[in-house]
Amino acid sequence: MFRAELQWLTDGPTLKLEGRLADGWAEQARSLVTRSVVPNGLIVDLSDVTYVDSVGEELLTWLSSIGAEFVAETVYALDTCERLRLQLFENVAGQEAPSTWSARTQRGVLLPVEMPGPPHGRQQ
């Protein structure tokens, strides 16, 4: 299962990813971000991602190349960010995002995209 939400918060746009970032789901997440102009200052929350395959890694690397910063509150997410050399989001005080994240997620409009099963009939 995979879920992606693009949240337009007062602090800027945030892409929250949950579940398995793999194959067609990674392409769906890219599509969500690029529906119009790619937002400046994009923050990508990987805290609820449980798996990333090579297609997902390509997406995260591409997001990083366009200036996205990442929130990682779990060991898996932190390891993924470290392995791919993704820039972690920091607040003004220089602390990593977990200390500010709950306040950020209480504001904004959610644009959910949910995919209950694997794309193209494949099991993950």
PDB file of N, CA and C in Angstrom:
ATOM      1  N   MET A   1       0.841  -1.178   0.000  1.00  0.00           N
ATOM      2  CA  MET A   1       0.000   0.000   0.000  1.00  0.00           C
ATOM      3  C   MET A   1       0.881   1.234   0.000  1.00  0.00           C
ATOM      4  N   PHE A   2       0.417   2.283  -0.632  1.00  0.00           N
ATOM      5  CA  PHE A   2       1.157   3.522  -0.736  1.00  0.00           C
ATOM      6  C   PHE A   2       0.184   4.696  -0.656  1.00  0.00           C
ATOM      7  N   ARG A   3       0.645   5.768  -0.062  1.00  0.00           N
ATOM      8  CA  ARG A   3      -0.165   6.985   0.019  1.00  0.00           C
ATOM      9  C   ARG A   3       0.763   8.176  -0.117  1.00  0.00           C
ATOM     10  N   ALA A   4       0.318   9.172  -0.861  1.00  0.00           N
ATOM     11  CA  ALA A   4       1.073  10.418  -1.006  1.00  0.00           C
ATOM     12  C   ALA A   4       0.111  11.580  -0.838  1.00  0.00           C
ATOM     13  N   GLU A   5       0.512  12.569  -0.051  1.00  0.00           N
ATOM     14  CA  GLU A   5      -0.301  13.774   0.142  1.00  0.00           C
ATOM     15  C   GLU A   5       0.594  14.980  -0.090  1.00  0.00           C
ATOM     16  N   LEU A   6       0.128  15.890  -0.921  1.00  0.00           N
ATOM     17  CA  LEU A   6       0.815  17.157  -1.097  1.00  0.00           C
ATOM     18  C   LEU A   6       0.065  18.179  -0.259  1.00  0.00           C
ATOM     19  N   GLN A   7       0.737  18.678   0.777  1.00  0.00           N
ATOM     20  CA  GLN A   7       0.121  19.608   1.719  1.00  0.00           C
ATOM     21  C   GLN A   7       0.666  21.004   1.443  1.00  0.00           C
ATOM     22  N   TRP A   8      -0.223  21.958   1.257  1.00  0.00           N
ATOM     23  CA  TRP A   8       0.188  23.347   1.056  1.00  0.00           C
ATOM     24  C   TRP A   8       0.051  24.053   2.396  1.00  0.00           C
ATOM     25  N   LEU A   9       1.160  24.144   3.122  1.00  0.00           N
ATOM     26  CA  LEU A   9       1.191  24.703   4.461  1.00  0.00           C
ATOM     27  C   LEU A   9       1.696  26.133   4.419  1.00  0.00           C
ATOM     28  N   THR A  10       1.492  26.871   5.504  1.00  0.00           N
ATOM     29  CA  THR A  10       1.986  28.243   5.552  1.00  0.00           C
ATOM     30  C   THR A  10       3.508  28.295   5.474  1.00  0.00           C
ATOM     31  N   ASP A  11       4.175  27.219   5.908  1.00  0.00           N
ATOM     32  CA  ASP A  11       5.637  27.150   5.830  1.00  0.00           C
ATOM     33  C   ASP A  11       6.125  26.707   4.463  1.00  0.00           C
ATOM     34  N   GLY A  12       5.230  26.305   3.584  1.00  0.00           N
ATOM     35  CA  GLY A  12       5.618  25.839   2.257  1.00  0.00           C
ATOM     36  C   GLY A  12       5.006  24.493   1.934  1.00  0.00           C
ATOM     37  N   PRO A  13       5.227  24.022   0.710  1.00  0.00           N
ATOM     38  CA  PRO A  13       4.649  22.750   0.270  1.00  0.00           C
ATOM     39  C   PRO A  13       5.377  21.558   0.876  1.00  0.00           C
ATOM     40  N   THR A  14       4.598  20.537   1.284  1.00  0.00           N
ATOM     41  CA  THR A  14       5.159  19.331   1.883  1.00  0.00           C
ATOM     42  C   THR A  14       4.538  18.111   1.217  1.00  0.00           C
ATOM     43  N   LEU A  15       5.394  17.197   0.786  1.00  0.00           N
ATOM     44  CA  LEU A  15       4.954  15.938   0.215  1.00  0.00           C
ATOM     45  C   LEU A  15       5.147  14.862   1.279  1.00  0.00           C
ATOM     46  N   LYS A  16       4.042  14.320   1.789  1.00  0.00           N
ATOM     47  CA  LYS A  16       4.085  13.262   2.809  1.00  0.00           C
ATOM     48  C   LYS A  16       3.887  11.932   2.114  1.00  0.00           C
ATOM     49  N   LEU A  17       4.861  11.028   2.275  1.00  0.00           N
ATOM     50  CA  LEU A  17       4.808   9.714   1.662  1.00  0.00           C
ATOM     51  C   LEU A  17       4.659   8.657   2.746  1.00  0.00           C
ATOM     52  N   GLU A  18       3.829   7.631   2.466  1.00  0.00           N
ATOM     53  CA  GLU A  18       3.597   6.545   3.422  1.00  0.00           C
ATOM     54  C   GLU A  18       3.580   5.222   2.678  1.00  0.00           C
ATOM     55  N   GLY A  19       4.209   4.208   3.262  1.00  0.00           N
ATOM     56  CA  GLY A  19       4.159   2.865   2.691  1.00  0.00           C
ATOM     57  C   GLY A  19       5.346   2.554   1.801  1.00  0.00           C
ATOM     58  N   ARG A  20       5.078   1.782   0.735  1.00  0.00           N
ATOM     59  CA  ARG A  20       6.118   1.278  -0.167  1.00  0.00           C
ATOM     60  C   ARG A  20       6.289   2.204  -1.369  1.00  0.00           C
ATOM     61  N   LEU A  21       7.415   2.878  -1.429  1.00  0.00           N
ATOM     62  CA  LEU A  21       7.735   3.774  -2.542  1.00  0.00           C
ATOM     63  C   LEU A  21       8.444   2.944  -3.604  1.00  0.00           C
ATOM     64  N   ALA A  22       7.644   2.340  -4.490  1.00  0.00           N
ATOM     65  CA  ALA A  22       8.180   1.385  -5.459  1.00  0.00           C
ATOM     66  C   ALA A  22       7.449   1.496  -6.789  1.00  0.00           C
ATOM     67  N   ASP A  23       8.146   1.132  -7.853  1.00  0.00           N
ATOM     68  CA  ASP A  23       7.602   1.039  -9.210  1.00  0.00           C
ATOM     69  C   ASP A  23       6.671   2.189  -9.580  1.00  0.00           C
ATOM     70  N   GLY A  24       5.456   1.819 -10.002  1.00  0.00           N
ATOM     71  CA  GLY A  24       4.470   2.794 -10.460  1.00  0.00           C
ATOM     72  C   GLY A  24       4.038   3.776  -9.394  1.00  0.00           C
ATOM     73  N   TRP A  25       4.135   3.376  -8.135  1.00  0.00           N
ATOM     74  CA  TRP A  25       3.767   4.285  -7.059  1.00  0.00           C
ATOM     75  C   TRP A  25       4.719   5.466  -6.994  1.00  0.00           C
ATOM     76  N   ALA A  26       5.998   5.225  -7.230  1.00  0.00           N
ATOM     77  CA  ALA A  26       6.974   6.319  -7.256  1.00  0.00           C
ATOM     78  C   ALA A  26       6.653   7.270  -8.398  1.00  0.00           C
ATOM     79  N   GLU A  27       6.249   6.729  -9.535  1.00  0.00           N
ATOM     80  CA  GLU A  27       5.865   7.573 -10.676  1.00  0.00           C
ATOM     81  C   GLU A  27       4.601   8.372 -10.359  1.00  0.00           C
ATOM     82  N   GLN A  28       3.666   7.778  -9.617  1.00  0.00           N
ATOM     83  CA  GLN A  28       2.464   8.507  -9.206  1.00  0.00           C
ATOM     84  C   GLN A  28       2.827   9.663  -8.278  1.00  0.00           C
ATOM     85  N   ALA A  29       3.766   9.440  -7.379  1.00  0.00           N
ATOM     86  CA  ALA A  29       4.209  10.514  -6.481  1.00  0.00           C
ATOM     87  C   ALA A  29       4.860  11.642  -7.284  1.00  0.00           C
ATOM     88  N   ARG A  30       5.682  11.292  -8.290  1.00  0.00           N
ATOM     89  CA  ARG A  30       6.297  12.315  -9.145  1.00  0.00           C
ATOM     90  C   ARG A  30       5.214  13.110  -9.877  1.00  0.00           C
ATOM     91  N   SER A  31       4.205  12.405 -10.370  1.00  0.00           N
ATOM     92  CA  SER A  31       3.102  13.046 -11.066  1.00  0.00           C
ATOM     93  C   SER A  31       2.365  14.032 -10.157  1.00  0.00           C
ATOM     94  N   LEU A  32       2.180  13.659  -8.906  1.00  0.00           N
ATOM     95  CA  LEU A  32       1.514  14.532  -7.944  1.00  0.00           C
ATOM     96  C   LEU A  32       2.281  15.837  -7.776  1.00  0.00           C
ATOM     97  N   VAL A  33       3.605  15.743  -7.701  1.00  0.00           N
ATOM     98  CA  VAL A  33       4.437  16.931  -7.506  1.00  0.00           C
ATOM     99  C   VAL A  33       4.478  17.790  -8.767  1.00  0.00           C
ATOM    100  N   THR A  34       4.468  17.170  -9.935  1.00  0.00           N
ATOM    101  CA  THR A  34       4.667  17.908 -11.188  1.00  0.00           C
ATOM    102  C   THR A  34       3.372  18.229 -11.934  1.00  0.00           C
ATOM    103  N   ARG A  35       2.232  18.122 -11.289  1.00  0.00           N
ATOM    104  CA  ARG A  35       0.961  18.444 -11.959  1.00  0.00           C
ATOM    105  C   ARG A  35       0.958  19.863 -12.524  1.00  0.00           C
ATOM    106  N   SER A  36       1.637  20.749 -11.851  1.00  0.00           N
ATOM    107  CA  SER A  36       1.821  22.109 -12.360  1.00  0.00           C
ATOM    108  C   SER A  36       3.305  22.424 -12.173  1.00  0.00           C
ATOM    109  N   VAL A  37       3.628  23.629 -11.826  1.00  0.00           N
ATOM    110  CA  VAL A  37       5.018  24.000 -11.594  1.00  0.00           C
ATOM    111  C   VAL A  37       5.505  23.307 -10.314  1.00  0.00           C
ATOM    112  N   VAL A  38       6.696  22.723 -10.357  1.00  0.00           N
ATOM    113  CA  VAL A  38       7.256  22.078  -9.166  1.00  0.00           C
ATOM    114  C   VAL A  38       7.449  23.151  -8.101  1.00  0.00           C
ATOM    115  N   PRO A  39       6.866  22.944  -6.928  1.00  0.00           N
ATOM    116  CA  PRO A  39       6.923  23.991  -5.897  1.00  0.00           C
ATOM    117  C   PRO A  39       8.330  24.209  -5.343  1.00  0.00           C
ATOM    118  N   ASN A  40       8.681  25.483  -5.147  1.00  0.00           N
ATOM    119  CA  ASN A  40       9.949  25.835  -4.501  1.00  0.00           C
ATOM    120  C   ASN A  40       9.854  25.519  -3.016  1.00  0.00           C
ATOM    121  N   GLY A  41      10.974  25.150  -2.425  1.00  0.00           N
ATOM    122  CA  GLY A  41      11.003  24.896  -0.985  1.00  0.00           C
ATOM    123  C   GLY A  41      10.264  23.649  -0.569  1.00  0.00           C
ATOM    124  N   LEU A  42      10.178  22.663  -1.451  1.00  0.00           N
ATOM    125  CA  LEU A  42       9.440  21.441  -1.158  1.00  0.00           C
ATOM    126  C   LEU A  42      10.119  20.650  -0.038  1.00  0.00           C
ATOM    127  N   ILE A  43       9.308  20.192   0.909  1.00  0.00           N
ATOM    128  CA  ILE A  43       9.770  19.337   1.994  1.00  0.00           C
ATOM    129  C   ILE A  43       9.108  17.976   1.789  1.00  0.00           C
ATOM    130  N   VAL A  44       9.896  16.915   1.838  1.00  0.00           N
ATOM    131  CA  VAL A  44       9.398  15.561   1.625  1.00  0.00           C
ATOM    132  C   VAL A  44       9.519  14.799   2.942  1.00  0.00           C
ATOM    133  N   ASP A  45       8.382  14.337   3.478  1.00  0.00           N
ATOM    134  CA  ASP A  45       8.357  13.595   4.738  1.00  0.00           C
ATOM    135  C   ASP A  45       8.393  12.097   4.435  1.00  0.00           C
ATOM    136  N   LEU A  46       9.498  11.453   4.797  1.00  0.00           N
ATOM    137  CA  LEU A  46       9.680  10.019   4.574  1.00  0.00           C
ATOM    138  C   LEU A  46       9.444   9.195   5.836  1.00  0.00           C
ATOM    139  N   SER A  47       8.955   9.804   6.884  1.00  0.00           N
ATOM    140  CA  SER A  47       8.859   9.147   8.184  1.00  0.00           C
ATOM    141  C   SER A  47       8.017   7.878   8.177  1.00  0.00           C
ATOM    142  N   ASP A  48       7.021   7.791   7.301  1.00  0.00           N
ATOM    143  CA  ASP A  48       6.149   6.626   7.263  1.00  0.00           C
ATOM    144  C   ASP A  48       6.402   5.736   6.050  1.00  0.00           C
ATOM    145  N   VAL A  49       7.542   5.912   5.399  1.00  0.00           N
ATOM    146  CA  VAL A  49       7.912   5.050   4.280  1.00  0.00           C
ATOM    147  C   VAL A  49       8.548   3.774   4.840  1.00  0.00           C
ATOM    148  N   THR A  50       8.077   2.627   4.343  1.00  0.00           N
ATOM    149  CA  THR A  50       8.561   1.342   4.850  1.00  0.00           C
ATOM    150  C   THR A  50       9.501   0.637   3.892  1.00  0.00           C
ATOM    151  N   TYR A  51       9.539   1.060   2.611  1.00  0.00           N
ATOM    152  CA  TYR A  51      10.382   0.409   1.622  1.00  0.00           C
ATOM    153  C   TYR A  51      10.584   1.359   0.452  1.00  0.00           C
ATOM    154  N   VAL A  52      11.801   1.374  -0.092  1.00  0.00           N
ATOM    155  CA  VAL A  52      12.109   2.172  -1.277  1.00  0.00           C
ATOM    156  C   VAL A  52      12.896   1.288  -2.239  1.00  0.00           C
ATOM    157  N   ASP A  53      12.375   1.107  -3.477  1.00  0.00           N
ATOM    158  CA  ASP A  53      13.126   0.348  -4.477  1.00  0.00           C
ATOM    159  C   ASP A  53      13.934   1.308  -5.340  1.00  0.00           C
ATOM    160  N   SER A  54      14.546   0.813  -6.404  1.00  0.00           N
ATOM    161  CA  SER A  54      15.411   1.651  -7.240  1.00  0.00           C
ATOM    162  C   SER A  54      14.641   2.784  -7.920  1.00  0.00           C
ATOM    163  N   VAL A  55      13.386   2.539  -8.300  1.00  0.00           N
ATOM    164  CA  VAL A  55      12.574   3.601  -8.909  1.00  0.00           C
ATOM    165  C   VAL A  55      12.267   4.672  -7.868  1.00  0.00           C
ATOM    166  N   GLY A  56      11.963   4.257  -6.651  1.00  0.00           N
ATOM    167  CA  GLY A  56      11.733   5.204  -5.559  1.00  0.00           C
ATOM    168  C   GLY A  56      12.983   6.002  -5.243  1.00  0.00           C
ATOM    169  N   GLU A  57      14.142   5.331  -5.269  1.00  0.00           N
ATOM    170  CA  GLU A  57      15.405   6.034  -5.035  1.00  0.00           C
ATOM    171  C   GLU A  57      15.656   7.091  -6.104  1.00  0.00           C
ATOM    172  N   GLU A  58      15.329   6.761  -7.362  1.00  0.00           N
ATOM    173  CA  GLU A  58      15.472   7.738  -8.449  1.00  0.00           C
ATOM    174  C   GLU A  58      14.579   8.949  -8.199  1.00  0.00           C
ATOM    175  N   LEU A  59      13.351   8.715  -7.737  1.00  0.00           N
ATOM    176  CA  LEU A  59      12.445   9.817  -7.426  1.00  0.00           C
ATOM    177  C   LEU A  59      13.023  10.695  -6.327  1.00  0.00           C
ATOM    178  N   LEU A  60      13.494  10.085  -5.241  1.00  0.00           N
ATOM    179  CA  LEU A  60      14.035  10.858  -4.121  1.00  0.00           C
ATOM    180  C   LEU A  60      15.280  11.643  -4.546  1.00  0.00           C
ATOM    181  N   THR A  61      16.125  11.032  -5.356  1.00  0.00           N
ATOM    182  CA  THR A  61      17.310  11.722  -5.859  1.00  0.00           C
ATOM    183  C   THR A  61      16.910  12.900  -6.746  1.00  0.00           C
ATOM    184  N   TRP A  62      15.893  12.696  -7.589  1.00  0.00           N
ATOM    185  CA  TRP A  62      15.406  13.783  -8.440  1.00  0.00           C
ATOM    186  C   TRP A  62      14.833  14.917  -7.587  1.00  0.00           C
ATOM    187  N   LEU A  63      14.025  14.573  -6.574  1.00  0.00           N
ATOM    188  CA  LEU A  63      13.472  15.602  -5.690  1.00  0.00           C
ATOM    189  C   LEU A  63      14.590  16.395  -5.016  1.00  0.00           C
ATOM    190  N   SER A  64      15.628  15.688  -4.592  1.00  0.00           N
ATOM    191  CA  SER A  64      16.775  16.362  -3.980  1.00  0.00           C
ATOM    192  C   SER A  64      17.460  17.296  -4.970  1.00  0.00           C
ATOM    193  N   SER A  65      17.570  16.865  -6.227  1.00  0.00           N
ATOM    194  CA  SER A  65      18.242  17.681  -7.245  1.00  0.00           C
ATOM    195  C   SER A  65      17.487  18.969  -7.568  1.00  0.00           C
ATOM    196  N   ILE A  66      16.178  18.988  -7.298  1.00  0.00           N
ATOM    197  CA  ILE A  66      15.410  20.216  -7.546  1.00  0.00           C
ATOM    198  C   ILE A  66      15.250  21.043  -6.269  1.00  0.00           C
ATOM    199  N   GLY A  67      15.984  20.656  -5.203  1.00  0.00           N
ATOM    200  CA  GLY A  67      16.026  21.472  -3.994  1.00  0.00           C
ATOM    201  C   GLY A  67      15.163  21.025  -2.836  1.00  0.00           C
ATOM    202  N   ALA A  68      14.526  19.869  -2.941  1.00  0.00           N
ATOM    203  CA  ALA A  68      13.699  19.383  -1.833  1.00  0.00           C
ATOM    204  C   ALA A  68      14.577  19.026  -0.640  1.00  0.00           C
ATOM    205  N   GLU A  69      14.009  19.210   0.555  1.00  0.00           N
ATOM    206  CA  GLU A  69      14.637  18.762   1.791  1.00  0.00           C
ATOM    207  C   GLU A  69      13.742  17.693   2.391  1.00  0.00           C
ATOM    208  N   PHE A  70      14.299  16.865   3.263  1.00  0.00           N
ATOM    209  CA  PHE A  70      13.612  15.661   3.713  1.00  0.00           C
ATOM    210  C   PHE A  70      13.456  15.614   5.226  1.00  0.00           C
ATOM    211  N   VAL A  71      12.307  15.070   5.655  1.00  0.00           N
ATOM    212  CA  VAL A  71      12.033  14.801   7.060  1.00  0.00           C
ATOM    213  C   VAL A  71      12.102  13.290   7.220  1.00  0.00           C
ATOM    214  N   ALA A  72      12.864  12.835   8.217  1.00  0.00           N
ATOM    215  CA  ALA A  72      13.034  11.399   8.451  1.00  0.00           C
ATOM    216  C   ALA A  72      13.029  11.159   9.954  1.00  0.00           C
ATOM    217  N   GLU A  73      11.936  10.569  10.472  1.00  0.00           N
ATOM    218  CA  GLU A  73      11.808  10.343  11.911  1.00  0.00           C
ATOM    219  C   GLU A  73      11.998   8.890  12.297  1.00  0.00           C
ATOM    220  N   THR A  74      12.251   8.006  11.345  1.00  0.00           N
ATOM    221  CA  THR A  74      12.456   6.589  11.655  1.00  0.00           C
ATOM    222  C   THR A  74      13.854   6.172  11.211  1.00  0.00           C
ATOM    223  N   VAL A  75      14.304   5.044  11.731  1.00  0.00           N
ATOM    224  CA  VAL A  75      15.630   4.540  11.373  1.00  0.00           C
ATOM    225  C   VAL A  75      15.709   4.265   9.874  1.00  0.00           C
ATOM    226  N   TYR A  76      14.662   3.637   9.309  1.00  0.00           N
ATOM    227  CA  TYR A  76      14.679   3.322   7.878  1.00  0.00           C
ATOM    228  C   TYR A  76      14.758   4.600   7.042  1.00  0.00           C
ATOM    229  N   ALA A  77      13.941   5.593   7.389  1.00  0.00           N
ATOM    230  CA  ALA A  77      13.949   6.854   6.639  1.00  0.00           C
ATOM    231  C   ALA A  77      15.291   7.571   6.774  1.00  0.00           C
ATOM    232  N   LEU A  78      15.834   7.594   7.984  1.00  0.00           N
ATOM    233  CA  LEU A  78      17.146   8.219   8.185  1.00  0.00           C
ATOM    234  C   LEU A  78      18.233   7.503   7.395  1.00  0.00           C
ATOM    235  N   ASP A  79      18.204   6.170   7.392  1.00  0.00           N
ATOM    236  CA  ASP A  79      19.177   5.400   6.625  1.00  0.00           C
ATOM    237  C   ASP A  79      19.053   5.686   5.132  1.00  0.00           C
ATOM    238  N   THR A  80      17.826   5.772   4.647  1.00  0.00           N
ATOM    239  CA  THR A  80      17.600   6.073   3.234  1.00  0.00           C
ATOM    240  C   THR A  80      18.166   7.441   2.883  1.00  0.00           C
ATOM    241  N   CYS A  81      17.901   8.431   3.734  1.00  0.00           N
ATOM    242  CA  CYS A  81      18.421   9.779   3.489  1.00  0.00           C
ATOM    243  C   CYS A  81      19.949   9.791   3.503  1.00  0.00           C
ATOM    244  N   GLU A  82      20.530   9.077   4.446  1.00  0.00           N
ATOM    245  CA  GLU A  82      21.992   9.034   4.530  1.00  0.00           C
ATOM    246  C   GLU A  82      22.590   8.334   3.315  1.00  0.00           C
ATOM    247  N   ARG A  83      22.015   7.202   2.943  1.00  0.00           N
ATOM    248  CA  ARG A  83      22.537   6.418   1.820  1.00  0.00           C
ATOM    249  C   ARG A  83      22.455   7.189   0.508  1.00  0.00           C
ATOM    250  N   LEU A  84      21.358   7.926   0.313  1.00  0.00           N
ATOM    251  CA  LEU A  84      21.165   8.689  -0.929  1.00  0.00           C
ATOM    252  C   LEU A  84      21.708  10.120  -0.830  1.00  0.00           C
ATOM    253  N   ARG A  85      22.241  10.460   0.345  1.00  0.00           N
ATOM    254  CA  ARG A  85      22.789  11.797   0.599  1.00  0.00           C
ATOM    255  C   ARG A  85      21.741  12.887   0.368  1.00  0.00           C
ATOM    256  N   LEU A  86      20.580  12.687   0.993  1.00  0.00           N
ATOM    257  CA  LEU A  86      19.477  13.637   0.898  1.00  0.00           C
ATOM    258  C   LEU A  86      19.584  14.642   2.041  1.00  0.00           C
ATOM    259  N   GLN A  87      19.329  15.905   1.728  1.00  0.00           N
ATOM    260  CA  GLN A  87      19.429  16.986   2.712  1.00  0.00           C
ATOM    261  C   GLN A  87      18.236  16.930   3.667  1.00  0.00           C
ATOM    262  N   LEU A  88      18.517  16.824   4.982  1.00  0.00           N
ATOM    263  CA  LEU A  88      17.444  16.827   5.973  1.00  0.00           C
ATOM    264  C   LEU A  88      16.961  18.252   6.222  1.00  0.00           C
ATOM    265  N   PHE A  89      15.650  18.389   6.393  1.00  0.00           N
ATOM    266  CA  PHE A  89      15.028  19.675   6.689  1.00  0.00           C
ATOM    267  C   PHE A  89      15.412  20.118   8.088  1.00  0.00           C
ATOM    268  N   GLU A  90      15.779  21.373   8.231  1.00  0.00           N
ATOM    269  CA  GLU A  90      16.080  21.946   9.540  1.00  0.00           C
ATOM    270  C   GLU A  90      15.279  23.224   9.704  1.00  0.00           C
ATOM    271  N   ASN A  91      14.852  23.482  10.939  1.00  0.00           N
ATOM    272  CA  ASN A  91      14.114  24.718  11.193  1.00  0.00           C
ATOM    273  C   ASN A  91      15.094  25.867  11.392  1.00  0.00           C
ATOM    274  N   VAL A  92      14.575  27.047  11.666  1.00  0.00           N
ATOM    275  CA  VAL A  92      15.403  28.240  11.802  1.00  0.00           C
ATOM    276  C   VAL A  92      16.427  28.104  12.921  1.00  0.00           C
ATOM    277  N   ALA A  93      16.074  27.408  13.995  1.00  0.00           N
ATOM    278  CA  ALA A  93      16.985  27.256  15.126  1.00  0.00           C
ATOM    279  C   ALA A  93      18.069  26.218  14.860  1.00  0.00           C
ATOM    280  N   GLY A  94      18.002  25.560  13.702  1.00  0.00           N
ATOM    281  CA  GLY A  94      19.015  24.586  13.357  1.00  0.00           C
ATOM    282  C   GLY A  94      18.727  23.184  13.860  1.00  0.00           C
ATOM    283  N   GLN A  95      17.524  22.964  14.419  1.00  0.00           N
ATOM    284  CA  GLN A  95      17.160  21.632  14.871  1.00  0.00           C
ATOM    285  C   GLN A  95      16.506  20.889  13.724  1.00  0.00           C
ATOM    286  N   GLU A  96      16.680  19.567  13.705  1.00  0.00           N
ATOM    287  CA  GLU A  96      16.047  18.783  12.658  1.00  0.00           C
ATOM    288  C   GLU A  96      14.535  18.809  12.826  1.00  0.00           C
ATOM    289  N   ALA A  97      13.828  18.490  11.771  1.00  0.00           N
ATOM    290  CA  ALA A  97      12.391  18.649  11.684  1.00  0.00           C
ATOM    291  C   ALA A  97      11.540  17.983  12.753  1.00  0.00           C
ATOM    292  N   PRO A  98      11.881  16.830  13.341  1.00  0.00           N
ATOM    293  CA  PRO A  98      10.932  16.208  14.273  1.00  0.00           C
ATOM    294  C   PRO A  98      10.437  17.139  15.371  1.00  0.00           C
ATOM    295  N   SER A  99      11.231  18.099  15.820  1.00  0.00           N
ATOM    296  CA  SER A  99      10.785  19.004  16.872  1.00  0.00           C
ATOM    297  C   SER A  99       9.743  19.998  16.375  1.00  0.00           C
ATOM    298  N   THR A 100       9.674  20.252  15.078  1.00  0.00           N
ATOM    299  CA  THR A 100       8.718  21.214  14.540  1.00  0.00           C
ATOM    300  C   THR A 100       7.638  20.561  13.697  1.00  0.00           C
ATOM    301  N   TRP A 101       7.793  19.287  13.389  1.00  0.00           N
ATOM    302  CA  TRP A 101       6.915  18.661  12.409  1.00  0.00           C
ATOM    303  C   TRP A 101       5.462  18.627  12.838  1.00  0.00           C
ATOM    304  N   SER A 102       5.149  18.339  14.110  1.00  0.00           N
ATOM    305  CA  SER A 102       3.753  18.245  14.520  1.00  0.00           C
ATOM    306  C   SER A 102       3.041  19.579  14.346  1.00  0.00           C
ATOM    307  N   ALA A 103       3.718  20.683  14.569  1.00  0.00           N
ATOM    308  CA  ALA A 103       3.103  21.995  14.365  1.00  0.00           C
ATOM    309  C   ALA A 103       2.873  22.260  12.881  1.00  0.00           C
ATOM    310  N   ARG A 104       3.793  21.815  12.023  1.00  0.00           N
ATOM    311  CA  ARG A 104       3.664  22.043  10.589  1.00  0.00           C
ATOM    312  C   ARG A 104       2.477  21.275  10.015  1.00  0.00           C
ATOM    313  N   THR A 105       2.222  20.067  10.497  1.00  0.00           N
ATOM    314  CA  THR A 105       1.202  19.237   9.885  1.00  0.00           C
ATOM    315  C   THR A 105      -0.205  19.582  10.356  1.00  0.00           C
ATOM    316  N   GLN A 106      -0.344  20.515  11.259  1.00  0.00           N
ATOM    317  CA  GLN A 106      -1.669  20.893  11.734  1.00  0.00           C
ATOM    318  C   GLN A 106      -2.294  21.991  10.882  1.00  0.00           C
ATOM    319  N   ARG A 107      -1.550  22.510   9.916  1.00  0.00           N
ATOM    320  CA  ARG A 107      -2.061  23.580   9.069  1.00  0.00           C
ATOM    321  C   ARG A 107      -2.078  23.115   7.617  1.00  0.00           C
ATOM    322  N   GLY A 108      -2.935  23.724   6.808  1.00  0.00           N
ATOM    323  CA  GLY A 108      -2.844  23.484   5.380  1.00  0.00           C
ATOM    324  C   GLY A 108      -3.996  22.696   4.804  1.00  0.00           C
ATOM    325  N   VAL A 109      -3.914  22.477   3.496  1.00  0.00           N
ATOM    326  CA  VAL A 109      -4.916  21.757   2.735  1.00  0.00           C
ATOM    327  C   VAL A 109      -4.288  20.459   2.255  1.00  0.00           C
ATOM    328  N   LEU A 110      -4.994  19.357   2.393  1.00  0.00           N
ATOM    329  CA  LEU A 110      -4.470  18.072   1.974  1.00  0.00           C
ATOM    330  C   LEU A 110      -5.021  17.697   0.606  1.00  0.00           C
ATOM    331  N   LEU A 111      -4.161  17.181  -0.245  1.00  0.00           N
ATOM    332  CA  LEU A 111      -4.564  16.669  -1.545  1.00  0.00           C
ATOM    333  C   LEU A 111      -4.162  15.197  -1.598  1.00  0.00           C
ATOM    334  N   PRO A 112      -5.021  14.281  -1.087  1.00  0.00           N
ATOM    335  CA  PRO A 112      -4.602  12.879  -0.959  1.00  0.00           C
ATOM    336  C   PRO A 112      -4.621  12.123  -2.283  1.00  0.00           C
ATOM    337  N   VAL A 113      -3.700  11.199  -2.422  1.00  0.00           N
ATOM    338  CA  VAL A 113      -3.680  10.218  -3.499  1.00  0.00           C
ATOM    339  C   VAL A 113      -3.448   8.881  -2.823  1.00  0.00           C
ATOM    340  N   GLU A 114      -4.430   7.994  -2.879  1.00  0.00           N
ATOM    341  CA  GLU A 114      -4.292   6.690  -2.240  1.00  0.00           C
ATOM    342  C   GLU A 114      -4.378   5.609  -3.300  1.00  0.00           C
ATOM    343  N   MET A 115      -3.494   4.632  -3.194  1.00  0.00           N
ATOM    344  CA  MET A 115      -3.498   3.494  -4.095  1.00  0.00           C
ATOM    345  C   MET A 115      -3.528   2.239  -3.245  1.00  0.00           C
ATOM    346  N   PRO A 116      -4.683   1.571  -3.115  1.00  0.00           N
ATOM    347  CA  PRO A 116      -4.800   0.440  -2.212  1.00  0.00           C
ATOM    348  C   PRO A 116      -4.033  -0.802  -2.644  1.00  0.00           C
ATOM    349  N   GLY A 117      -3.815  -0.999  -3.918  1.00  0.00           N
ATOM    350  CA  GLY A 117      -3.115  -2.192  -4.398  1.00  0.00           C
ATOM    351  C   GLY A 117      -1.955  -1.807  -5.280  1.00  0.00           C
ATOM    352  N   PRO A 118      -1.126  -2.781  -5.630  1.00  0.00           N
ATOM    353  CA  PRO A 118       0.020  -2.508  -6.483  1.00  0.00           C
ATOM    354  C   PRO A 118      -0.409  -2.077  -7.871  1.00  0.00           C
ATOM    355  N   PRO A 119       0.348  -1.197  -8.531  1.00  0.00           N
ATOM    356  CA  PRO A 119       0.005  -0.779  -9.873  1.00  0.00           C
ATOM    357  C   PRO A 119       0.210  -1.925 -10.862  1.00  0.00           C
ATOM    358  N   HIS A 120      -0.547  -1.935 -11.911  1.00  0.00           N
ATOM    359  CA  HIS A 120      -0.394  -2.879 -13.007  1.00  0.00           C
ATOM    360  C   HIS A 120      -0.550  -4.324 -12.564  1.00  0.00           C
ATOM    361  N   GLY A 121      -1.289  -4.582 -11.482  1.00  0.00           N
ATOM    362  CA  GLY A 121      -1.588  -5.927 -11.048  1.00  0.00           C
ATOM    363  C   GLY A 121      -0.440  -6.706 -10.426  1.00  0.00           C
ATOM    364  N   ARG A 122       0.669  -6.047 -10.115  1.00  0.00           N
ATOM    365  CA  ARG A 122       1.813  -6.733  -9.510  1.00  0.00           C
ATOM    366  C   ARG A 122       1.732  -6.680  -7.999  1.00  0.00           C
ATOM    367  N   GLN A 123       2.139  -7.743  -7.350  1.00  0.00           N
ATOM    368  CA  GLN A 123       2.213  -7.774  -5.897  1.00  0.00           C
ATOM    369  C   GLN A 123       3.583  -7.301  -5.460  1.00  0.00           C
ATOM    370  N   GLN A 124       3.649  -6.522  -4.383  1.00  0.00           N
ATOM    371  CA  GLN A 124       4.935  -6.054  -3.842  1.00  0.00           C
ATOM    372  C   GLN A 124       5.239  -6.759  -2.571  1.00  0.00           C
TER     373      GLN A 124
END
